[in-house]
PDB file of all heavy atoms in Angstrom:
ATOM      1  N   ILE A   1     -24.403 -11.443 -13.179  1.00  0.00           N
ATOM      2  CA  ILE A   1     -25.762 -10.890 -13.102  1.00  0.00           C
ATOM      3  C   ILE A   1     -26.314 -11.025 -11.683  1.00  0.00           C
ATOM      4  O   ILE A   1     -26.911 -10.080 -11.143  1.00  0.00           O
ATOM      5  CB  ILE A   1     -26.673 -11.600 -14.114  1.00  0.00           C
ATOM      6  CG1 ILE A   1     -26.231 -11.279 -15.549  1.00  0.00           C
ATOM      7  CG2 ILE A   1     -28.129 -11.201 -13.914  1.00  0.00           C
ATOM      8  CD1 ILE A   1     -26.999 -12.023 -16.612  1.00  0.00           C
ATOM      9  N   LYS A   2     -26.109 -12.158 -11.051  1.00  0.00           N
ATOM     10  CA  LYS A   2     -26.590 -12.351  -9.686  1.00  0.00           C
ATOM     11  C   LYS A   2     -25.893 -11.406  -8.718  1.00  0.00           C
ATOM     12  O   LYS A   2     -26.538 -10.802  -7.840  1.00  0.00           O
ATOM     13  CB  LYS A   2     -26.368 -13.799  -9.246  1.00  0.00           C
ATOM     14  CG  LYS A   2     -26.916 -14.116  -7.858  1.00  0.00           C
ATOM     15  CD  LYS A   2     -26.687 -15.570  -7.491  1.00  0.00           C
ATOM     16  CE  LYS A   2     -27.315 -15.878  -6.128  1.00  0.00           C
ATOM     17  NZ  LYS A   2     -26.812 -14.998  -5.053  1.00  0.00           N
ATOM     18  N   LYS A   3     -24.587 -11.252  -8.847  1.00  0.00           N
ATOM     19  CA  LYS A   3     -23.855 -10.354  -7.959  1.00  0.00           C
ATOM     20  C   LYS A   3     -24.279  -8.905  -8.177  1.00  0.00           C
ATOM     21  O   LYS A   3     -24.377  -8.128  -7.218  1.00  0.00           O
ATOM     22  CB  LYS A   3     -22.356 -10.518  -8.201  1.00  0.00           C
ATOM     23  CG  LYS A   3     -21.473  -9.667  -7.296  1.00  0.00           C
ATOM     24  CD  LYS A   3     -21.597 -10.065  -5.837  1.00  0.00           C
ATOM     25  CE  LYS A   3     -21.031 -11.439  -5.583  1.00  0.00           C
ATOM     26  NZ  LYS A   3     -20.971 -11.772  -4.151  1.00  0.00           N
ATOM     27  N   TYR A   4     -24.551  -8.531  -9.416  1.00  0.00           N
ATOM     28  CA  TYR A   4     -25.018  -7.176  -9.705  1.00  0.00           C
ATOM     29  C   TYR A   4     -26.388  -6.935  -9.080  1.00  0.00           C
ATOM     30  O   TYR A   4     -26.645  -5.858  -8.511  1.00  0.00           O
ATOM     31  CB  TYR A   4     -25.078  -6.974 -11.218  1.00  0.00           C
ATOM     32  CG  TYR A   4     -25.767  -5.707 -11.644  1.00  0.00           C
ATOM     33  CD1 TYR A   4     -25.167  -4.455 -11.489  1.00  0.00           C
ATOM     34  CD2 TYR A   4     -27.048  -5.754 -12.205  1.00  0.00           C
ATOM     35  CE1 TYR A   4     -25.808  -3.297 -11.876  1.00  0.00           C
ATOM     36  CE2 TYR A   4     -27.690  -4.594 -12.608  1.00  0.00           C
ATOM     37  CZ  TYR A   4     -27.073  -3.373 -12.442  1.00  0.00           C
ATOM     38  OH  TYR A   4     -27.712  -2.226 -12.816  1.00  0.00           O
ATOM     39  N   GLN A   5     -27.276  -7.909  -9.164  1.00  0.00           N
ATOM     40  CA  GLN A   5     -28.591  -7.775  -8.541  1.00  0.00           C
ATOM     41  C   GLN A   5     -28.467  -7.669  -7.023  1.00  0.00           C
ATOM     42  O   GLN A   5     -29.158  -6.852  -6.396  1.00  0.00           O
ATOM     43  CB  GLN A   5     -29.471  -8.968  -8.932  1.00  0.00           C
ATOM     44  CG  GLN A   5     -29.846  -9.000 -10.405  1.00  0.00           C
ATOM     45  CD  GLN A   5     -30.574 -10.269 -10.797  1.00  0.00           C
ATOM     46  OE1 GLN A   5     -30.478 -11.290 -10.120  1.00  0.00           O
ATOM     47  NE2 GLN A   5     -31.294 -10.238 -11.902  1.00  0.00           N
ATOM     48  N   ASP A   6     -27.595  -8.489  -6.438  1.00  0.00           N
ATOM     49  CA  ASP A   6     -27.398  -8.429  -4.988  1.00  0.00           C
ATOM     50  C   ASP A   6     -26.823  -7.076  -4.571  1.00  0.00           C
ATOM     51  O   ASP A   6     -27.216  -6.515  -3.541  1.00  0.00           O
ATOM     52  CB  ASP A   6     -26.468  -9.552  -4.529  1.00  0.00           C
ATOM     53  CG  ASP A   6     -27.084 -10.927  -4.728  1.00  0.00           C
ATOM     54  OD1 ASP A   6     -28.320 -10.999  -4.886  1.00  0.00           O
ATOM     55  OD2 ASP A   6     -26.341 -11.925  -4.747  1.00  0.00           O
ATOM     56  N   HIS A   7     -25.890  -6.556  -5.358  1.00  0.00           N
ATOM     57  CA  HIS A   7     -25.300  -5.251  -5.056  1.00  0.00           C
ATOM     58  C   HIS A   7     -26.354  -4.151  -5.113  1.00  0.00           C
ATOM     59  O   HIS A   7     -26.415  -3.273  -4.245  1.00  0.00           O
ATOM     60  CB  HIS A   7     -24.168  -4.965  -6.048  1.00  0.00           C
ATOM     61  CG  HIS A   7     -23.702  -3.541  -6.036  1.00  0.00           C
ATOM     62  ND1 HIS A   7     -22.891  -3.031  -5.050  1.00  0.00           N
ATOM     63  CD2 HIS A   7     -23.947  -2.513  -6.897  1.00  0.00           C
ATOM     64  CE1 HIS A   7     -22.649  -1.748  -5.293  1.00  0.00           C
ATOM     65  NE2 HIS A   7     -23.282  -1.415  -6.401  1.00  0.00           N
ATOM     66  N   ASP A   8     -27.197  -4.191  -6.140  1.00  0.00           N
ATOM     67  CA  ASP A   8     -28.235  -3.175  -6.287  1.00  0.00           C
ATOM     68  C   ASP A   8     -29.254  -3.269  -5.152  1.00  0.00           C
ATOM     69  O   ASP A   8     -29.679  -2.255  -4.592  1.00  0.00           O
ATOM     70  CB  ASP A   8     -28.921  -3.356  -7.639  1.00  0.00           C
ATOM     71  CG  ASP A   8     -29.874  -2.219  -7.960  1.00  0.00           C
ATOM     72  OD1 ASP A   8     -29.423  -1.069  -8.005  1.00  0.00           O
ATOM     73  OD2 ASP A   8     -31.073  -2.486  -8.160  1.00  0.00           O
ATOM     74  N   LEU A   9     -29.634  -4.503  -4.785  1.00  0.00           N
ATOM     75  CA  LEU A   9     -30.596  -4.685  -3.706  1.00  0.00           C
ATOM     76  C   LEU A   9     -30.017  -4.243  -2.367  1.00  0.00           C
ATOM     77  O   LEU A   9     -30.716  -3.623  -1.547  1.00  0.00           O
ATOM     78  CB  LEU A   9     -31.026  -6.150  -3.639  1.00  0.00           C
ATOM     79  CG  LEU A   9     -32.079  -6.515  -2.584  1.00  0.00           C
ATOM     80  CD1 LEU A   9     -33.364  -5.746  -2.827  1.00  0.00           C
ATOM     81  CD2 LEU A   9     -32.335  -8.011  -2.586  1.00  0.00           C
ATOM     82  N   GLU A  10     -28.744  -4.552  -2.143  1.00  0.00           N
ATOM     83  CA  GLU A  10     -28.106  -4.147  -0.884  1.00  0.00           C
ATOM     84  C   GLU A  10     -28.041  -2.626  -0.757  1.00  0.00           C
ATOM     85  O   GLU A  10     -28.266  -2.075   0.324  1.00  0.00           O
ATOM     86  CB  GLU A  10     -26.706  -4.740  -0.821  1.00  0.00           C
ATOM     87  CG  GLU A  10     -25.952  -4.388   0.457  1.00  0.00           C
ATOM     88  CD  GLU A  10     -24.553  -4.960   0.471  1.00  0.00           C
ATOM     89  OE1 GLU A  10     -24.174  -5.632  -0.517  1.00  0.00           O
ATOM     90  OE2 GLU A  10     -23.825  -4.736   1.454  1.00  0.00           O
ATOM     91  N   LYS A  11     -27.757  -1.960  -1.863  1.00  0.00           N
ATOM     92  CA  LYS A  11     -27.701  -0.496  -1.835  1.00  0.00           C
ATOM     93  C   LYS A  11     -29.070   0.092  -1.508  1.00  0.00           C
ATOM     94  O   LYS A  11     -29.181   1.025  -0.696  1.00  0.00           O
ATOM     95  CB  LYS A  11     -27.213   0.009  -3.194  1.00  0.00           C
ATOM     96  CG  LYS A  11     -27.085   1.520  -3.272  1.00  0.00           C
ATOM     97  CD  LYS A  11     -26.579   1.929  -4.637  1.00  0.00           C
ATOM     98  CE  LYS A  11     -26.499   3.450  -4.744  1.00  0.00           C
ATOM     99  NZ  LYS A  11     -26.031   3.878  -6.077  1.00  0.00           N
ATOM    100  N   LYS A  12     -30.124  -0.445  -2.119  1.00  0.00           N
ATOM    101  CA  LYS A  12     -31.473   0.048  -1.837  1.00  0.00           C
ATOM    102  C   LYS A  12     -31.866  -0.231  -0.388  1.00  0.00           C
ATOM    103  O   LYS A  12     -32.460   0.626   0.280  1.00  0.00           O
ATOM    104  CB  LYS A  12     -32.474  -0.612  -2.783  1.00  0.00           C
ATOM    105  CG  LYS A  12     -32.342  -0.177  -4.229  1.00  0.00           C
ATOM    106  CD  LYS A  12     -33.357  -0.885  -5.105  1.00  0.00           C
ATOM    107  CE  LYS A  12     -33.239  -0.463  -6.548  1.00  0.00           C
ATOM    108  NZ  LYS A  12     -34.209  -1.160  -7.426  1.00  0.00           N
ATOM    109  N   ASN A  13     -31.542  -1.423   0.094  1.00  0.00           N
ATOM    110  CA  ASN A  13     -31.900  -1.769   1.470  1.00  0.00           C
ATOM    111  C   ASN A  13     -31.181  -0.881   2.476  1.00  0.00           C
ATOM    112  O   ASN A  13     -31.753  -0.495   3.500  1.00  0.00           O
ATOM    113  CB  ASN A  13     -31.565  -3.235   1.741  1.00  0.00           C
ATOM    114  CG  ASN A  13     -32.487  -4.185   0.996  1.00  0.00           C
ATOM    115  OD1 ASN A  13     -33.584  -3.807   0.587  1.00  0.00           O
ATOM    116  ND2 ASN A  13     -32.054  -5.420   0.811  1.00  0.00           N
ATOM    117  N   THR A  14     -29.917  -0.553   2.189  1.00  0.00           N
ATOM    118  CA  THR A  14     -29.168   0.309   3.106  1.00  0.00           C
ATOM    119  C   THR A  14     -29.787   1.696   3.190  1.00  0.00           C
ATOM    120  O   THR A  14     -29.985   2.255   4.277  1.00  0.00           O
ATOM    121  CB  THR A  14     -27.710   0.407   2.643  1.00  0.00           C
ATOM    122  OG1 THR A  14     -27.135  -0.897   2.616  1.00  0.00           O
ATOM    123  CG2 THR A  14     -26.910   1.283   3.601  1.00  0.00           C
ATOM    124  N   THR A  15     -30.107   2.264   2.012  1.00  0.00           N
ATOM    125  CA  THR A  15     -30.715   3.590   1.988  1.00  0.00           C
ATOM    126  C   THR A  15     -32.092   3.580   2.636  1.00  0.00           C
ATOM    127  O   THR A  15     -32.443   4.479   3.416  1.00  0.00           O
ATOM    128  CB  THR A  15     -30.829   4.091   0.540  1.00  0.00           C
ATOM    129  OG1 THR A  15     -29.541   4.044  -0.075  1.00  0.00           O
ATOM    130  CG2 THR A  15     -31.356   5.511   0.499  1.00  0.00           C
ATOM    131  N   ALA A  16     -32.899   2.553   2.363  1.00  0.00           N
ATOM    132  CA  ALA A  16     -34.237   2.470   2.948  1.00  0.00           C
ATOM    133  C   ALA A  16     -34.164   2.285   4.459  1.00  0.00           C
ATOM    134  O   ALA A  16     -34.955   2.875   5.207  1.00  0.00           O
ATOM    135  CB  ALA A  16     -35.009   1.316   2.313  1.00  0.00           C
ATOM    136  N   ALA A  17     -33.203   1.488   4.936  1.00  0.00           N
ATOM    137  CA  ALA A  17     -33.068   1.272   6.377  1.00  0.00           C
ATOM    138  C   ALA A  17     -32.707   2.568   7.097  1.00  0.00           C
ATOM    139  O   ALA A  17     -33.238   2.853   8.181  1.00  0.00           O
ATOM    140  CB  ALA A  17     -32.014   0.199   6.650  1.00  0.00           C
ATOM    141  N   ARG A  18     -31.823   3.363   6.506  1.00  0.00           N
ATOM    142  CA  ARG A  18     -31.455   4.638   7.134  1.00  0.00           C
ATOM    143  C   ARG A  18     -32.635   5.605   7.132  1.00  0.00           C
ATOM    144  O   ARG A  18     -32.846   6.349   8.089  1.00  0.00           O
ATOM    145  CB  ARG A  18     -30.272   5.250   6.392  1.00  0.00           C
ATOM    146  CG  ARG A  18     -28.989   4.440   6.547  1.00  0.00           C
ATOM    147  CD  ARG A  18     -27.815   5.127   5.894  1.00  0.00           C
ATOM    148  NE  ARG A  18     -26.586   4.369   6.099  1.00  0.00           N
ATOM    149  CZ  ARG A  18     -25.394   4.751   5.674  1.00  0.00           C
ATOM    150  NH1 ARG A  18     -25.279   5.892   5.012  1.00  0.00           N
ATOM    151  NH2 ARG A  18     -24.327   4.007   5.901  1.00  0.00           N
ATOM    152  N   THR A  19     -33.410   5.582   6.042  1.00  0.00           N
ATOM    153  CA  THR A  19     -34.580   6.455   5.976  1.00  0.00           C
ATOM    154  C   THR A  19     -35.615   6.058   7.023  1.00  0.00           C
ATOM    155  O   THR A  19     -36.175   6.914   7.730  1.00  0.00           O
ATOM    156  CB  THR A  19     -35.200   6.392   4.579  1.00  0.00           C
ATOM    157  OG1 THR A  19     -34.217   6.722   3.603  1.00  0.00           O
ATOM    158  CG2 THR A  19     -36.362   7.351   4.465  1.00  0.00           C
ATOM    159  N   VAL A  20     -35.876   4.773   7.139  1.00  0.00           N
ATOM    160  CA  VAL A  20     -36.849   4.294   8.121  1.00  0.00           C
ATOM    161  C   VAL A  20     -36.388   4.614   9.537  1.00  0.00           C
ATOM    162  O   VAL A  20     -37.201   4.997  10.403  1.00  0.00           O
ATOM    163  CB  VAL A  20     -37.073   2.777   7.951  1.00  0.00           C
ATOM    164  CG1 VAL A  20     -37.901   2.222   9.095  1.00  0.00           C
ATOM    165  CG2 VAL A  20     -37.764   2.496   6.611  1.00  0.00           C
ATOM    166  N   GLU A  21     -35.098   4.498   9.809  1.00  0.00           N
ATOM    167  CA  GLU A  21     -34.576   4.799  11.142  1.00  0.00           C
ATOM    168  C   GLU A  21     -34.765   6.279  11.472  1.00  0.00           C
ATOM    169  O   GLU A  21     -35.124   6.637  12.600  1.00  0.00           O
ATOM    170  CB  GLU A  21     -33.100   4.420  11.207  1.00  0.00           C
ATOM    171  CG  GLU A  21     -32.457   4.645  12.576  1.00  0.00           C
ATOM    172  CD  GLU A  21     -33.087   3.795  13.656  1.00  0.00           C
ATOM    173  OE1 GLU A  21     -33.642   2.724  13.331  1.00  0.00           O
ATOM    174  OE2 GLU A  21     -33.027   4.210  14.836  1.00  0.00           O
ATOM    175  N   PHE A  22     -34.545   7.139  10.475  1.00  0.00           N
ATOM    176  CA  PHE A  22     -34.739   8.564  10.702  1.00  0.00           C
ATOM    177  C   PHE A  22     -36.210   8.874  10.962  1.00  0.00           C
ATOM    178  O   PHE A  22     -36.548   9.645  11.873  1.00  0.00           O
ATOM    179  CB  PHE A  22     -34.233   9.351   9.487  1.00  0.00           C
ATOM    180  CG  PHE A  22     -34.333  10.839   9.643  1.00  0.00           C
ATOM    181  CD1 PHE A  22     -33.359  11.544  10.322  1.00  0.00           C
ATOM    182  CD2 PHE A  22     -35.408  11.532   9.111  1.00  0.00           C
ATOM    183  CE1 PHE A  22     -33.451  12.921  10.469  1.00  0.00           C
ATOM    184  CE2 PHE A  22     -35.514  12.900   9.254  1.00  0.00           C
ATOM    185  CZ  PHE A  22     -34.530  13.600   9.934  1.00  0.00           C
ATOM    186  N   ILE A  23     -37.115   8.290  10.175  1.00  0.00           N
ATOM    187  CA  ILE A  23     -38.545   8.512  10.376  1.00  0.00           C
ATOM    188  C   ILE A  23     -38.988   7.982  11.734  1.00  0.00           C
ATOM    189  O   ILE A  23     -39.801   8.603  12.436  1.00  0.00           O
ATOM    190  CB  ILE A  23     -39.343   7.846   9.231  1.00  0.00           C
ATOM    191  CG1 ILE A  23     -39.027   8.527   7.899  1.00  0.00           C
ATOM    192  CG2 ILE A  23     -40.836   7.881   9.510  1.00  0.00           C
ATOM    193  CD1 ILE A  23     -39.696   7.875   6.710  1.00  0.00           C
ATOM    194  N   ARG A  24     -38.442   6.825  12.133  1.00  0.00           N
ATOM    195  CA  ARG A  24     -38.798   6.260  13.431  1.00  0.00           C
ATOM    196  C   ARG A  24     -38.387   7.195  14.562  1.00  0.00           C
ATOM    197  O   ARG A  24     -39.124   7.362  15.541  1.00  0.00           O
ATOM    198  CB  ARG A  24     -38.114   4.899  13.573  1.00  0.00           C
ATOM    199  CG  ARG A  24     -38.523   4.134  14.820  1.00  0.00           C
ATOM    200  CD  ARG A  24     -37.874   2.765  14.796  1.00  0.00           C
ATOM    201  NE  ARG A  24     -38.329   2.011  13.629  1.00  0.00           N
ATOM    202  CZ  ARG A  24     -37.744   0.898  13.204  1.00  0.00           C
ATOM    203  NH1 ARG A  24     -36.684   0.422  13.826  1.00  0.00           N
ATOM    204  NH2 ARG A  24     -38.229   0.270  12.145  1.00  0.00           N
ATOM    205  N   THR A  25     -37.239   7.833  14.429  1.00  0.00           N
ATOM    206  CA  THR A  25     -36.796   8.784  15.455  1.00  0.00           C
ATOM    207  C   THR A  25     -37.733   9.987  15.521  1.00  0.00           C
ATOM    208  O   THR A  25     -38.088  10.460  16.617  1.00  0.00           O
ATOM    209  CB  THR A  25     -35.367   9.244  15.146  1.00  0.00           C
ATOM    210  OG1 THR A  25     -34.500   8.102  15.084  1.00  0.00           O
ATOM    211  CG2 THR A  25     -34.853  10.190  16.222  1.00  0.00           C
TER     212      THR A  25
END
């Protein structure tokens, strides 16, 4: 359960980071 939560959070953070980088540009 902990690894699944970490995997889900990492996926969201990766997508959000790329979105924020694009908006910043």
